[in-house]
């Protein structure tokens, strides 16, 4: 199974060395071939009639660029620059009859697996940056307003006594498929929107702990099962900008199989045998989304592809 996951593999050179070059940026923003990646209230733009992202050029939708509240350089591909544009402050986000006729804004998780994987990675990048801009209008150190720098990839405090730089936030989270012999452990969080869906366990990394320690702690806290950190093995990672996480995927062998639920979070958890995994719904289990690393961790375990 290939390791490439949804929302990874963006084909853009991020060009960090160009972010301080105002003349280059101005030229790119004026170039009619520059590609715009609009975001409206955490939603991305997709074609209405086929499986691809709707990525207008400046020539096609300059109105978006002129009306954008936040604009960030994503990178360049084959000589064409890509900029994320936030139009969340507009009630009508299309600002162009052609765009409204061709596509619609929607949650990327709904259509992401249907579009080209490279396009999905670009949309995820844009969504994550615009989410960060919307929530970091003020300095976390002194509370003063912040202003955009580094072509929309940094914000700086305007207070001359502070001047703290702020960078796009990504929260590391561990996500792990726990197994014991021919059984794997799946859990159902109370917040899962899909009835009957079970998934791998997951949680955020806390200060002062390694990734392996975070895996062991989260498994013990959520389902009462013991995992030793030295039995935790990294598999792959996936950006998950819903809203701002980096999912670090692991397989973890447990010491025991007795489940003690953390009832304020977990609705249920169960061990499933390999033979049951071929038809999980007959055992009351729906697998997680196919674009998620959780699904891929399950598939890798079923196919004995757990190690790098």
Protein backbone atom coordinates (compact mmCIF):
# COMPACT_ATOMS: atom_id res chain seq x y z
CA UNK A 1 0.00 0.00 0.00
CA UNK A 2 1.47 3.41 -0.90
CA UNK A 3 2.19 5.67 2.05
CA UNK A 4 0.86 8.81 0.37
CA UNK A 5 -2.22 9.98 2.25
CA UNK A 6 -5.01 12.38 1.36
CA UNK A 7 -4.12 16.07 1.83
CA UNK A 8 -0.41 15.30 1.40
CA UNK A 9 1.75 15.60 -1.69
CA UNK A 10 1.00 19.21 -2.65
CA UNK A 11 2.99 19.84 -5.86
CA UNK A 12 3.95 23.41 -4.89
CA UNK A 13 7.37 24.85 -4.15
CA UNK A 14 6.55 26.98 -1.10
CA UNK A 15 9.26 29.52 -2.00
CA UNK A 16 9.94 30.74 1.53
CA UNK A 17 12.80 32.87 0.18
CA UNK A 18 10.33 34.91 -1.91
CA UNK A 19 8.02 35.80 0.95
CA UNK A 20 10.03 38.92 1.78
CA UNK A 21 10.23 40.16 -1.82
CA UNK A 22 7.47 42.77 -2.32
CA UNK A 23 8.26 43.36 -5.98
CA UNK A 24 8.08 39.66 -6.86
CA UNK A 25 4.83 39.29 -4.90
CA UNK A 26 3.28 42.32 -6.58
CA UNK A 27 4.21 40.95 -9.99
CA UNK A 28 2.64 37.60 -9.20
CA UNK A 29 -0.55 39.10 -7.84
CA UNK A 30 -0.87 41.17 -11.02
CA UNK A 31 -0.17 38.22 -13.30
CA UNK A 32 -3.43 37.05 -14.98
CA UNK A 33 -2.18 33.43 -14.88
CA UNK A 34 -1.77 33.40 -11.09
CA UNK A 35 -4.06 30.84 -9.47
CA UNK A 36 -6.41 31.77 -6.63
CA UNK A 37 -7.52 29.29 -3.97
CA UNK A 38 -10.59 30.86 -2.32
CA UNK A 39 -11.76 29.93 1.18
CA UNK A 40 -15.11 30.96 2.61
CA UNK A 41 -15.89 30.23 6.26
CA UNK A 42 -13.62 27.17 6.28
CA UNK A 43 -15.07 25.85 3.03
CA UNK A 44 -13.30 25.31 -0.29
CA UNK A 45 -14.52 25.79 -3.83
CA UNK A 46 -15.25 22.74 -6.00
CA UNK A 47 -16.67 22.29 -9.47
CA UNK A 48 -20.37 21.58 -9.38
CA UNK A 49 -20.39 18.99 -12.16
CA UNK A 50 -17.11 17.09 -12.00
CA UNK A 51 -14.55 15.84 -9.51
CA UNK A 52 -12.01 18.63 -9.35
CA UNK A 53 -11.27 21.76 -7.42
CA UNK A 54 -12.35 25.09 -8.86
CA UNK A 55 -9.14 27.12 -9.01
CA UNK A 56 -9.74 30.36 -10.93
CA UNK A 57 -6.94 32.53 -12.22
CA UNK A 58 -6.58 36.24 -11.56
CA UNK A 59 -7.83 36.87 -15.09
CA UNK A 60 -11.00 34.89 -14.35
CA UNK A 61 -11.78 36.18 -10.86
CA UNK A 62 -9.84 39.29 -9.93
CA UNK A 63 -12.84 40.26 -7.80
CA UNK A 64 -11.81 37.59 -5.30
CA UNK A 65 -8.33 39.01 -5.03
CA UNK A 66 -9.58 42.59 -4.64
CA UNK A 67 -12.09 41.57 -1.97
CA UNK A 68 -9.93 39.13 -0.03
CA UNK A 69 -9.45 39.85 3.66
CA UNK A 70 -6.44 37.57 4.03
CA UNK A 71 -4.15 36.59 1.15
CA UNK A 72 -1.32 34.08 1.55
CA UNK A 73 1.25 32.75 -0.88
CA UNK A 74 0.99 28.97 -1.03
CA UNK A 75 3.74 28.39 -3.57
CA UNK A 76 4.48 28.03 -7.24
CA UNK A 77 4.01 25.23 -9.78
CA UNK A 78 5.29 25.27 -13.35
CA UNK A 79 5.85 29.01 -13.13
CA UNK A 80 2.37 29.84 -11.84
CA UNK A 81 1.94 31.21 -8.33
CA UNK A 82 -0.88 30.03 -6.06
CA UNK A 83 -2.44 32.31 -3.45
CA UNK A 84 -5.04 31.46 -0.83
CA UNK A 85 -7.74 34.14 -0.54
CA UNK A 86 -10.14 34.43 2.38
CA UNK A 87 -13.56 35.86 1.47
CA UNK A 88 -15.31 34.81 4.70
CA UNK A 89 -16.43 38.35 5.51
CA UNK A 90 -18.71 38.42 2.45
CA UNK A 91 -22.22 37.02 2.64
CA UNK A 92 -21.99 36.15 -1.05
CA UNK A 93 -18.55 34.58 -1.43
CA UNK A 94 -18.59 34.14 -5.20
CA UNK A 95 -18.26 37.82 -6.16
CA UNK A 96 -18.32 36.68 -9.76
CA UNK A 97 -21.30 35.18 -11.65
CA UNK A 98 -19.01 32.77 -13.49
CA UNK A 99 -17.78 31.20 -10.25
CA UNK A 100 -21.28 30.78 -8.89
CA UNK A 101 -22.36 29.12 -12.11
CA UNK A 102 -19.42 26.71 -12.13
CA UNK A 103 -19.04 25.62 -8.53
CA UNK A 104 -19.94 25.80 -4.88
CA UNK A 105 -18.22 26.17 -1.52
CA UNK A 106 -18.38 23.09 0.67
CA UNK A 107 -16.55 21.24 3.45
CA UNK A 108 -13.39 19.77 1.95
CA UNK A 109 -13.98 16.53 3.84
CA UNK A 110 -17.12 15.95 1.79
CA UNK A 111 -15.50 16.14 -1.64
CA UNK A 112 -11.77 15.83 -0.95
CA UNK A 113 -11.49 12.09 -1.66
CA UNK A 114 -13.21 12.57 -5.03
CA UNK A 115 -10.80 15.14 -6.44
CA UNK A 116 -7.19 14.92 -7.54
CA UNK A 117 -5.01 14.26 -4.51
CA UNK A 118 -2.61 17.11 -5.37
CA UNK A 119 -5.52 19.53 -5.62
CA UNK A 120 -6.85 18.28 -2.30
CA UNK A 121 -3.50 18.99 -0.65
CA UNK A 122 -3.51 22.55 -2.02
CA UNK A 123 -7.06 23.16 -0.74
CA UNK A 124 -6.16 21.76 2.68
CA UNK A 125 -3.12 24.05 2.85
CA UNK A 126 -5.25 27.08 1.99
CA UNK A 127 -7.96 26.15 4.49
CA UNK A 128 -5.47 25.73 7.31
CA UNK A 129 -3.78 29.07 6.67
CA UNK A 130 -7.05 31.01 6.45
CA UNK A 131 -8.32 29.40 9.66
CA UNK A 132 -5.16 30.52 11.42
CA UNK A 133 -5.41 34.10 10.13
CA UNK A 134 -9.01 34.42 11.29
CA UNK A 135 -8.09 33.40 14.84
CA UNK A 136 -4.85 35.29 15.34
CA UNK A 137 -5.86 38.88 14.80
CA UNK A 138 -4.36 39.78 18.17
CA UNK A 139 -1.05 39.01 19.81
CA UNK A 140 -1.07 36.13 22.25
CA UNK A 141 1.66 37.86 24.28
CA UNK A 142 0.32 41.38 24.84
CA UNK A 143 -3.12 41.43 23.17
CA UNK A 144 -2.28 44.09 20.60
CA UNK A 145 -3.40 43.72 16.96
CA UNK A 146 -1.22 41.74 14.58
CA UNK A 147 -0.37 42.52 10.98
CA UNK A 148 0.45 40.19 8.10
CA UNK A 149 4.02 39.57 6.94
CA UNK A 150 5.98 36.96 4.98
CA UNK A 151 3.38 36.92 2.18
CA UNK A 152 0.65 35.83 4.56
CA UNK A 153 2.70 33.15 6.29
CA UNK A 154 3.43 35.12 9.44
CA UNK A 155 1.71 37.71 11.65
CA UNK A 156 3.57 40.30 13.72
CA UNK A 157 2.50 42.21 16.79
CA UNK A 158 2.21 45.95 16.05
CA UNK A 159 3.07 46.93 19.63
CA UNK A 160 6.61 48.40 19.40
CA UNK A 161 7.35 47.14 22.90
CA UNK A 162 6.41 43.60 21.94
CA UNK A 163 6.84 42.90 18.20
CA UNK A 164 6.26 39.19 18.79
CA UNK A 165 6.17 37.15 15.56
CA UNK A 166 3.42 34.55 15.21
CA UNK A 167 3.49 31.55 12.90
CA UNK A 168 0.73 29.29 11.57
CA UNK A 169 -0.25 26.90 14.31
CA UNK A 170 -0.28 23.15 13.88
CA UNK A 171 -1.23 20.95 16.83
CA UNK A 172 0.46 17.51 16.91
CA UNK A 173 -1.93 14.66 17.59
CA UNK A 174 -1.19 10.96 17.84
CA UNK A 175 -3.56 8.49 16.22
CA UNK A 176 -3.04 4.80 16.75
CA UNK A 177 -4.40 1.41 15.88
CA UNK A 178 -3.98 -0.77 18.97
CA UNK A 179 -3.71 -4.50 18.33
CA UNK A 180 -3.13 -7.75 20.22
CA UNK A 181 -2.39 -10.79 18.12
CA UNK A 182 -5.16 -11.12 15.53
CA UNK A 183 -7.39 -8.54 17.22
CA UNK A 184 -7.46 -4.77 16.82
CA UNK A 185 -9.18 -2.21 19.01
CA UNK A 186 -11.64 0.32 17.62
CA UNK A 187 -13.53 2.94 19.59
CA UNK A 188 -16.57 5.12 19.16
CA UNK A 189 -16.27 8.67 20.45
CA UNK A 190 -19.48 10.32 21.63
CA UNK A 191 -18.89 13.17 19.16
CA UNK A 192 -18.74 11.01 16.01
CA UNK A 193 -21.44 12.32 13.65
CA UNK A 194 -21.86 9.07 11.67
CA UNK A 195 -24.01 6.45 13.43
CA UNK A 196 -22.16 3.19 13.97
CA UNK A 197 -18.74 4.54 13.00
CA UNK A 198 -15.77 3.21 14.97
CA UNK A 199 -12.23 4.44 14.52
CA UNK A 200 -8.71 4.29 15.87
CA UNK A 201 -7.96 6.07 19.11
CA UNK A 202 -6.39 9.52 19.03
CA UNK A 203 -5.41 12.47 21.19
CA UNK A 204 -3.24 15.55 21.39
CA UNK A 205 0.38 15.47 22.49
CA UNK A 206 0.95 17.18 25.83
CA UNK A 207 4.00 19.26 26.80
CA UNK A 208 6.94 17.24 28.02
CA UNK A 209 6.04 13.87 26.50
CA UNK A 210 7.32 11.93 23.53
CA UNK A 211 4.99 10.76 20.78
CA UNK A 212 5.25 7.16 22.03
CA UNK A 213 4.40 8.29 25.57
CA UNK A 214 1.42 10.22 24.25
CA UNK A 215 0.14 7.08 22.52
CA UNK A 216 0.45 5.02 25.71
CA UNK A 217 -1.22 7.70 27.83
CA UNK A 218 -4.14 8.25 25.49
CA UNK A 219 -4.88 4.53 25.12
CA UNK A 220 -4.83 4.05 28.88
CA UNK A 221 -6.98 7.12 29.50
CA UNK A 222 -9.60 6.37 26.85
CA UNK A 223 -10.06 2.61 27.12
CA UNK A 224 -7.96 1.43 30.08
CA UNK A 225 -5.70 -0.76 27.93
CA UNK A 226 -1.96 -0.81 28.66
CA UNK A 227 0.55 -0.07 25.89
CA UNK A 228 4.28 0.20 26.53
CA UNK A 229 5.97 3.08 24.67
CA UNK A 230 8.58 0.68 23.26
CA UNK A 231 5.76 -1.25 21.56
CA UNK A 232 4.60 1.84 19.65
CA UNK A 233 5.73 2.07 16.02
CA UNK A 234 5.42 5.08 13.75
CA UNK A 235 3.71 4.51 10.40
CA UNK A 236 2.97 7.82 8.62
CA UNK A 237 1.63 11.34 9.15
CA UNK A 238 -1.20 13.37 7.65
CA UNK A 239 -2.01 17.08 7.81
CA UNK A 240 -5.59 17.42 9.02
CA UNK A 241 -6.57 21.10 8.87
CA UNK A 242 -10.01 20.48 10.40
CA UNK A 243 -9.12 22.77 12.02
CA UNK A 244 -5.35 22.68 12.64
CA UNK A 245 -3.81 19.29 13.40
CA UNK A 246 -0.97 17.12 12.19
CA UNK A 247 -1.99 13.48 12.69
CA UNK A 248 0.97 11.26 13.56
CA UNK A 249 -0.03 7.67 12.88
CA UNK A 250 1.16 4.64 14.87
CA UNK A 251 0.50 0.96 15.38
CA UNK A 252 0.69 -0.06 19.04
CA UNK A 253 0.76 -3.56 20.51
CA UNK A 254 -1.14 -3.82 23.80
CA UNK A 255 -0.27 -5.72 26.96
CA UNK A 256 -3.86 -6.68 27.75
CA UNK A 257 -7.36 -6.63 26.29
CA UNK A 258 -9.57 -5.56 29.20
CA UNK A 259 -11.51 -2.43 28.24
CA UNK A 260 -12.38 0.23 30.83
CA UNK A 261 -14.05 3.15 29.03
CA UNK A 262 -13.49 6.81 29.78
CA UNK A 263 -17.21 7.44 29.74
CA UNK A 264 -17.11 11.22 29.37
CA UNK A 265 -15.54 10.78 25.90
CA UNK A 266 -15.98 7.22 24.69
CA UNK A 267 -19.35 5.72 23.89
CA UNK A 268 -18.00 2.26 23.16
CA UNK A 269 -14.87 0.29 22.25
CA UNK A 270 -14.46 -3.26 21.01
CA UNK A 271 -11.86 -5.75 19.86
CA UNK A 272 -12.38 -7.13 16.38
CA UNK A 273 -10.72 -10.21 14.89
CA UNK A 274 -9.10 -10.06 11.46
CA UNK A 275 -11.84 -12.26 10.05
CA UNK A 276 -14.48 -9.80 11.26
CA UNK A 277 -12.72 -6.89 9.59
CA UNK A 278 -13.58 -8.15 6.10
CA UNK A 279 -17.25 -7.40 6.81
CA UNK A 280 -17.24 -4.96 9.74
CA UNK A 281 -20.82 -3.75 9.29
CA UNK A 282 -22.14 -7.24 10.02
CA UNK A 283 -20.55 -6.75 13.45
CA UNK A 284 -22.02 -3.31 14.03
CA UNK A 285 -18.98 -1.35 12.88
CA UNK A 286 -18.54 1.24 10.14
CA UNK A 287 -14.98 2.15 9.25
CA UNK A 288 -13.81 5.80 9.36
CA UNK A 289 -13.61 8.08 6.34
CA UNK A 290 -11.48 6.79 3.45
CA UNK A 291 -9.53 10.06 3.32
CA UNK A 292 -8.44 9.69 6.95
CA UNK A 293 -5.22 8.22 8.27
CA UNK A 294 -7.39 6.18 10.65
CA UNK A 295 -8.76 4.19 7.72
CA UNK A 296 -5.28 3.69 6.30
CA UNK A 297 -3.90 2.51 9.66
CA UNK A 298 -6.64 -0.13 9.77
CA UNK A 299 -5.95 -1.23 6.20
CA UNK A 300 -2.20 -1.44 6.84
CA UNK A 301 -2.77 -3.69 9.87
CA UNK A 302 -5.13 -5.93 7.89
CA UNK A 303 -2.50 -6.21 5.12
CA UNK A 304 0.43 -6.73 7.53
CA UNK A 305 2.05 -3.48 6.37
CA UNK A 306 2.58 -1.89 9.75
CA UNK A 307 6.29 -1.12 9.64
CA UNK A 308 8.04 1.45 7.49
